Amino acid sequence: MEALSKIYVRPSSTKLAPLSAVTRERQGVAALSVNYIGQRPAVNIQFNAKPGISVSSITASFTYQDTASAVQKSVGGLAILLGVASVVIYLVSGMLYESFIHPVTILSGLPFAG
C-alpha cells in the first residue's frame, strides 16, 4: 500500500492526489499474462466435440487468428483444388491412353483410394 501512496495522479481538479486515494489494494489470483490481438484481449480455446457434432457449428461465433486463420482459409479452397486435380488427371490420362473412356475408369477409383 505504501507504493500506491508514492504515485500521484491529476484528477479533474488541478491538485495532485496520491494514487492510493482513488484506488484500493486487493490480493487475489490473476492470470500471469494476457494475450492481445491489436488492442483487444484474446483467448485460446481448446475443446473436444461430442460425436456427431460438427466443429463448424461449435465455432460459428469465433474469429480465427494466426495459424488457425491460415488453416481455415486453406480448407476453404480444398474443393476447388480437388476439382482442378481431377481435371488434370483426366487430361493426362486421356493423352496417355489416347481414349476418353479409360481416364473415367481410372478416376472412378479415386473415391475408394481416399
N, C-alpha and C. Protein backbone atom coordinates (compact mmCIF):
# COMPACT_ATOMS: atom_id res chain seq x y z
N MET A 1 0.82 -1.19 0.00
CA MET A 1 0.00 0.00 0.00
C MET A 1 0.87 1.25 0.00
N GLU A 2 2.06 1.13 0.52
CA GLU A 2 2.95 2.29 0.56
C GLU A 2 3.32 2.74 -0.84
N ALA A 3 3.50 1.79 -1.77
CA ALA A 3 3.90 2.16 -3.13
C ALA A 3 2.83 3.00 -3.81
N LEU A 4 1.55 2.69 -3.58
CA LEU A 4 0.49 3.47 -4.21
C LEU A 4 0.43 4.91 -3.69
N SER A 5 0.84 5.12 -2.45
CA SER A 5 0.81 6.48 -1.91
C SER A 5 1.95 7.34 -2.46
N LYS A 6 2.95 6.71 -3.10
CA LYS A 6 4.07 7.46 -3.67
C LYS A 6 3.85 7.85 -5.13
N ILE A 7 2.78 7.32 -5.75
CA ILE A 7 2.45 7.65 -7.13
C ILE A 7 1.31 8.66 -7.10
N TYR A 8 1.47 9.76 -7.85
CA TYR A 8 0.47 10.82 -7.86
C TYR A 8 -0.21 10.90 -9.21
N VAL A 9 -1.50 11.21 -9.20
CA VAL A 9 -2.29 11.41 -10.41
C VAL A 9 -2.97 12.77 -10.33
N ARG A 10 -3.34 13.30 -11.48
CA ARG A 10 -4.02 14.58 -11.51
C ARG A 10 -5.49 14.34 -11.82
N PRO A 11 -6.36 14.44 -10.82
CA PRO A 11 -7.80 14.30 -11.07
C PRO A 11 -8.34 15.52 -11.81
N SER A 12 -9.65 15.67 -11.85
CA SER A 12 -10.26 16.79 -12.58
C SER A 12 -9.84 18.14 -12.02
N SER A 13 -9.51 18.18 -10.73
CA SER A 13 -9.01 19.44 -10.17
C SER A 13 -7.53 19.56 -10.51
N THR A 14 -6.93 20.68 -10.22
CA THR A 14 -5.53 20.90 -10.58
C THR A 14 -4.55 20.35 -9.54
N LYS A 15 -5.05 19.98 -8.39
CA LYS A 15 -4.18 19.49 -7.32
C LYS A 15 -3.87 18.00 -7.52
N LEU A 16 -2.61 17.61 -7.33
CA LEU A 16 -2.21 16.21 -7.44
C LEU A 16 -2.70 15.43 -6.23
N ALA A 17 -3.09 14.18 -6.47
CA ALA A 17 -3.56 13.32 -5.40
C ALA A 17 -2.80 11.99 -5.47
N PRO A 18 -2.52 11.39 -4.32
CA PRO A 18 -1.84 10.09 -4.37
C PRO A 18 -2.77 9.03 -4.98
N LEU A 19 -2.18 8.08 -5.68
CA LEU A 19 -2.95 7.03 -6.33
C LEU A 19 -3.74 6.21 -5.31
N SER A 20 -3.22 6.10 -4.10
CA SER A 20 -3.93 5.34 -3.05
C SER A 20 -5.24 6.00 -2.66
N ALA A 21 -5.44 7.29 -3.00
CA ALA A 21 -6.69 7.97 -2.66
C ALA A 21 -7.83 7.57 -3.59
N VAL A 22 -7.50 7.11 -4.78
CA VAL A 22 -8.55 6.77 -5.75
C VAL A 22 -8.57 5.27 -6.09
N THR A 23 -7.69 4.49 -5.48
CA THR A 23 -7.66 3.05 -5.74
C THR A 23 -7.65 2.30 -4.41
N ARG A 24 -7.83 0.99 -4.50
CA ARG A 24 -7.70 0.16 -3.31
C ARG A 24 -6.90 -1.08 -3.68
N GLU A 25 -6.16 -1.57 -2.73
CA GLU A 25 -5.34 -2.75 -2.96
C GLU A 25 -6.14 -3.98 -2.58
N ARG A 26 -6.03 -5.01 -3.45
CA ARG A 26 -6.74 -6.25 -3.19
C ARG A 26 -5.87 -7.40 -3.68
N GLN A 27 -5.68 -8.38 -2.83
CA GLN A 27 -4.89 -9.54 -3.21
C GLN A 27 -5.82 -10.65 -3.70
N GLY A 28 -5.37 -11.36 -4.75
CA GLY A 28 -6.17 -12.44 -5.30
C GLY A 28 -5.39 -13.16 -6.38
N VAL A 29 -6.06 -14.08 -7.02
CA VAL A 29 -5.46 -14.86 -8.09
C VAL A 29 -5.76 -14.17 -9.41
N ALA A 30 -4.74 -14.08 -10.27
CA ALA A 30 -4.91 -13.45 -11.58
C ALA A 30 -4.04 -14.18 -12.59
N ALA A 31 -4.31 -13.95 -13.86
CA ALA A 31 -3.52 -14.55 -14.92
C ALA A 31 -2.11 -13.96 -14.93
N LEU A 32 -1.14 -14.79 -15.28
CA LEU A 32 0.24 -14.31 -15.35
C LEU A 32 0.45 -13.38 -16.54
N SER A 33 -0.29 -13.63 -17.60
CA SER A 33 -0.18 -12.77 -18.77
C SER A 33 -1.53 -12.71 -19.47
N VAL A 34 -1.75 -11.67 -20.24
CA VAL A 34 -2.98 -11.51 -21.01
C VAL A 34 -2.58 -11.40 -22.47
N ASN A 35 -3.15 -12.25 -23.32
CA ASN A 35 -2.86 -12.21 -24.75
C ASN A 35 -3.70 -11.12 -25.40
N TYR A 36 -3.11 -10.43 -26.37
CA TYR A 36 -3.81 -9.37 -27.08
C TYR A 36 -3.68 -9.57 -28.58
N ILE A 37 -4.71 -9.22 -29.32
CA ILE A 37 -4.66 -9.09 -30.77
C ILE A 37 -5.04 -7.65 -31.05
N GLY A 38 -4.08 -6.87 -31.47
CA GLY A 38 -4.30 -5.44 -31.56
C GLY A 38 -4.40 -4.88 -30.16
N GLN A 39 -5.48 -4.20 -29.85
CA GLN A 39 -5.68 -3.67 -28.51
C GLN A 39 -6.77 -4.42 -27.75
N ARG A 40 -7.23 -5.53 -28.31
CA ARG A 40 -8.30 -6.28 -27.66
C ARG A 40 -7.75 -7.55 -27.04
N PRO A 41 -8.21 -7.91 -25.86
CA PRO A 41 -7.75 -9.17 -25.24
C PRO A 41 -8.22 -10.37 -26.05
N ALA A 42 -7.39 -11.41 -26.10
CA ALA A 42 -7.70 -12.62 -26.86
C ALA A 42 -7.52 -13.83 -25.96
N VAL A 43 -8.20 -14.90 -26.29
CA VAL A 43 -8.09 -16.14 -25.52
C VAL A 43 -7.84 -17.31 -26.47
N ASN A 44 -7.23 -18.35 -25.93
CA ASN A 44 -7.06 -19.61 -26.64
C ASN A 44 -8.07 -20.59 -26.07
N ILE A 45 -8.81 -21.25 -26.94
CA ILE A 45 -9.84 -22.17 -26.51
C ILE A 45 -9.50 -23.56 -27.05
N GLN A 46 -9.50 -24.54 -26.17
CA GLN A 46 -9.32 -25.93 -26.58
C GLN A 46 -10.56 -26.70 -26.15
N PHE A 47 -11.02 -27.59 -27.01
CA PHE A 47 -12.23 -28.33 -26.68
C PHE A 47 -12.25 -29.64 -27.44
N ASN A 48 -13.09 -30.54 -27.00
CA ASN A 48 -13.38 -31.80 -27.69
C ASN A 48 -14.88 -31.82 -27.96
N ALA A 49 -15.24 -32.05 -29.20
CA ALA A 49 -16.65 -32.07 -29.57
C ALA A 49 -17.23 -33.46 -29.33
N LYS A 50 -18.50 -33.51 -28.98
CA LYS A 50 -19.19 -34.78 -28.82
C LYS A 50 -19.33 -35.44 -30.19
N PRO A 51 -19.37 -36.75 -30.24
CA PRO A 51 -19.55 -37.44 -31.53
C PRO A 51 -20.85 -37.00 -32.20
N GLY A 52 -20.77 -36.74 -33.49
CA GLY A 52 -21.94 -36.33 -34.25
C GLY A 52 -22.14 -34.83 -34.33
N ILE A 53 -21.34 -34.04 -33.62
CA ILE A 53 -21.46 -32.58 -33.66
C ILE A 53 -20.29 -32.03 -34.47
N SER A 54 -20.60 -31.21 -35.47
CA SER A 54 -19.54 -30.68 -36.33
C SER A 54 -18.82 -29.52 -35.64
N VAL A 55 -17.55 -29.39 -35.97
CA VAL A 55 -16.74 -28.32 -35.39
C VAL A 55 -17.22 -26.96 -35.90
N SER A 56 -17.71 -26.91 -37.14
CA SER A 56 -18.17 -25.63 -37.69
C SER A 56 -19.38 -25.09 -36.93
N SER A 57 -20.24 -25.96 -36.42
CA SER A 57 -21.39 -25.48 -35.65
C SER A 57 -20.96 -24.97 -34.28
N ILE A 58 -19.88 -25.52 -33.73
CA ILE A 58 -19.39 -25.07 -32.43
C ILE A 58 -18.67 -23.73 -32.55
N THR A 59 -17.89 -23.58 -33.60
CA THR A 59 -17.04 -22.40 -33.73
C THR A 59 -17.63 -21.32 -34.62
N ALA A 60 -18.94 -21.32 -34.80
CA ALA A 60 -19.59 -20.33 -35.68
C ALA A 60 -19.39 -18.90 -35.19
N SER A 61 -19.26 -18.70 -33.89
CA SER A 61 -19.15 -17.34 -33.37
C SER A 61 -17.70 -16.91 -33.11
N PHE A 62 -16.74 -17.75 -33.42
CA PHE A 62 -15.34 -17.41 -33.17
C PHE A 62 -14.72 -16.73 -34.38
N THR A 63 -13.70 -15.93 -34.15
CA THR A 63 -12.85 -15.44 -35.23
C THR A 63 -11.47 -16.03 -35.02
N TYR A 64 -10.85 -16.45 -36.10
CA TYR A 64 -9.57 -17.11 -36.02
C TYR A 64 -8.44 -16.13 -36.32
N GLN A 65 -7.28 -16.38 -35.71
CA GLN A 65 -6.09 -15.56 -35.93
C GLN A 65 -4.89 -16.48 -36.15
N ASP A 66 -3.85 -15.95 -36.74
CA ASP A 66 -2.57 -16.63 -36.93
C ASP A 66 -2.72 -17.97 -37.64
N THR A 67 -2.23 -19.04 -37.05
CA THR A 67 -2.19 -20.36 -37.70
C THR A 67 -3.59 -20.88 -37.97
N ALA A 68 -4.51 -20.71 -37.03
CA ALA A 68 -5.88 -21.21 -37.23
C ALA A 68 -6.55 -20.51 -38.40
N SER A 69 -6.26 -19.24 -38.60
CA SER A 69 -6.82 -18.50 -39.73
C SER A 69 -6.28 -19.04 -41.05
N ALA A 70 -4.98 -19.35 -41.09
CA ALA A 70 -4.38 -19.89 -42.31
C ALA A 70 -4.96 -21.25 -42.64
N VAL A 71 -5.17 -22.09 -41.64
CA VAL A 71 -5.76 -23.42 -41.87
C VAL A 71 -7.19 -23.27 -42.39
N GLN A 72 -7.95 -22.37 -41.80
CA GLN A 72 -9.34 -22.19 -42.22
C GLN A 72 -9.40 -21.71 -43.68
N LYS A 73 -8.52 -20.81 -44.06
CA LYS A 73 -8.50 -20.33 -45.44
C LYS A 73 -8.07 -21.42 -46.41
N SER A 74 -7.12 -22.26 -46.02
CA SER A 74 -6.65 -23.31 -46.93
C SER A 74 -7.71 -24.40 -47.11
N VAL A 75 -8.47 -24.71 -46.08
CA VAL A 75 -9.53 -25.71 -46.20
C VAL A 75 -10.66 -25.18 -47.07
N GLY A 76 -10.86 -23.88 -47.08
CA GLY A 76 -11.91 -23.28 -47.89
C GLY A 76 -11.71 -23.51 -49.38
N GLY A 77 -10.47 -23.55 -49.85
CA GLY A 77 -10.18 -23.76 -51.26
C GLY A 77 -9.91 -25.20 -51.62
N LEU A 78 -10.14 -26.12 -50.70
CA LEU A 78 -9.83 -27.53 -50.92
C LEU A 78 -10.72 -28.15 -52.00
N ALA A 79 -11.98 -27.80 -52.07
CA ALA A 79 -12.88 -28.35 -53.07
C ALA A 79 -12.47 -27.92 -54.47
N ILE A 80 -12.06 -26.68 -54.62
CA ILE A 80 -11.60 -26.19 -55.92
C ILE A 80 -10.32 -26.91 -56.33
N LEU A 81 -9.42 -27.11 -55.39
CA LEU A 81 -8.18 -27.82 -55.67
C LEU A 81 -8.45 -29.26 -56.10
N LEU A 82 -9.39 -29.93 -55.45
CA LEU A 82 -9.74 -31.29 -55.81
C LEU A 82 -10.33 -31.35 -57.21
N GLY A 83 -11.17 -30.40 -57.56
CA GLY A 83 -11.75 -30.36 -58.90
C GLY A 83 -10.70 -30.13 -59.98
N VAL A 84 -9.78 -29.21 -59.74
CA VAL A 84 -8.72 -28.94 -60.71
C VAL A 84 -7.81 -30.15 -60.86
N ALA A 85 -7.48 -30.81 -59.73
CA ALA A 85 -6.63 -32.01 -59.80
C ALA A 85 -7.31 -33.12 -60.58
N SER A 86 -8.62 -33.28 -60.44
CA SER A 86 -9.34 -34.32 -61.18
C SER A 86 -9.32 -34.04 -62.68
N VAL A 87 -9.48 -32.78 -63.06
CA VAL A 87 -9.43 -32.42 -64.48
C VAL A 87 -8.04 -32.67 -65.04
N VAL A 88 -7.00 -32.33 -64.30
CA VAL A 88 -5.62 -32.56 -64.76
C VAL A 88 -5.35 -34.05 -64.91
N ILE A 89 -5.79 -34.85 -63.94
CA ILE A 89 -5.61 -36.31 -64.04
C ILE A 89 -6.35 -36.85 -65.26
N TYR A 90 -7.56 -36.36 -65.52
CA TYR A 90 -8.32 -36.81 -66.69
C TYR A 90 -7.59 -36.46 -67.98
N LEU A 91 -7.08 -35.24 -68.08
CA LEU A 91 -6.40 -34.82 -69.31
C LEU A 91 -5.11 -35.61 -69.54
N VAL A 92 -4.30 -35.79 -68.50
CA VAL A 92 -3.05 -36.52 -68.64
C VAL A 92 -3.32 -37.99 -68.98
N SER A 93 -4.28 -38.58 -68.31
CA SER A 93 -4.64 -39.97 -68.60
C SER A 93 -5.20 -40.11 -70.00
N GLY A 94 -5.97 -39.15 -70.43
CA GLY A 94 -6.51 -39.17 -71.79
C GLY A 94 -5.42 -39.11 -72.84
N MET A 95 -4.39 -38.32 -72.58
CA MET A 95 -3.27 -38.25 -73.54
C MET A 95 -2.47 -39.55 -73.53
N LEU A 96 -2.28 -40.14 -72.36
CA LEU A 96 -1.50 -41.38 -72.28
C LEU A 96 -2.21 -42.56 -72.94
N TYR A 97 -3.53 -42.71 -72.67
CA TYR A 97 -4.28 -43.85 -73.20
C TYR A 97 -4.93 -43.57 -74.55
N GLU A 98 -4.86 -42.33 -75.02
CA GLU A 98 -5.46 -41.91 -76.29
C GLU A 98 -6.92 -42.35 -76.37
N SER A 99 -7.63 -42.12 -75.27
CA SER A 99 -9.03 -42.50 -75.19
C SER A 99 -9.73 -41.57 -74.21
N PHE A 100 -11.05 -41.41 -74.42
CA PHE A 100 -11.82 -40.59 -73.49
C PHE A 100 -12.44 -41.43 -72.37
N ILE A 101 -12.57 -42.73 -72.56
CA ILE A 101 -13.25 -43.57 -71.58
C ILE A 101 -12.31 -44.14 -70.52
N HIS A 102 -11.06 -44.45 -70.88
CA HIS A 102 -10.13 -45.03 -69.91
C HIS A 102 -9.84 -44.10 -68.72
N PRO A 103 -9.70 -42.80 -68.93
CA PRO A 103 -9.49 -41.92 -67.76
C PRO A 103 -10.68 -41.93 -66.79
N VAL A 104 -11.88 -42.15 -67.31
CA VAL A 104 -13.06 -42.20 -66.44
C VAL A 104 -12.95 -43.42 -65.52
N THR A 105 -12.49 -44.55 -66.04
CA THR A 105 -12.35 -45.74 -65.21
C THR A 105 -11.27 -45.53 -64.13
N ILE A 106 -10.23 -44.80 -64.49
CA ILE A 106 -9.17 -44.52 -63.51
C ILE A 106 -9.69 -43.56 -62.42
N LEU A 107 -10.39 -42.53 -62.85
CA LEU A 107 -10.91 -41.55 -61.87
C LEU A 107 -12.02 -42.15 -60.99
N SER A 108 -12.70 -43.17 -61.49
CA SER A 108 -13.75 -43.77 -60.67
C SER A 108 -13.18 -44.51 -59.47
N GLY A 109 -11.90 -44.83 -59.49
CA GLY A 109 -11.27 -45.48 -58.34
C GLY A 109 -10.76 -44.53 -57.28
N LEU A 110 -10.75 -43.24 -57.58
CA LEU A 110 -10.24 -42.25 -56.60
C LEU A 110 -11.03 -42.19 -55.30
N PRO A 111 -12.37 -42.23 -55.32
CA PRO A 111 -13.07 -42.19 -54.03
C PRO A 111 -12.72 -43.37 -53.13
N PHE A 112 -12.51 -44.54 -53.72
CA PHE A 112 -12.14 -45.70 -52.91
C PHE A 112 -10.72 -45.59 -52.39
N ALA A 113 -9.85 -44.93 -53.15
CA ALA A 113 -8.46 -44.74 -52.70
C ALA A 113 -8.41 -43.74 -51.55
N GLY A 114 -9.35 -42.80 -51.56
CA GLY A 114 -9.37 -41.80 -50.49
C GLY A 114 -9.81 -42.39 -49.20
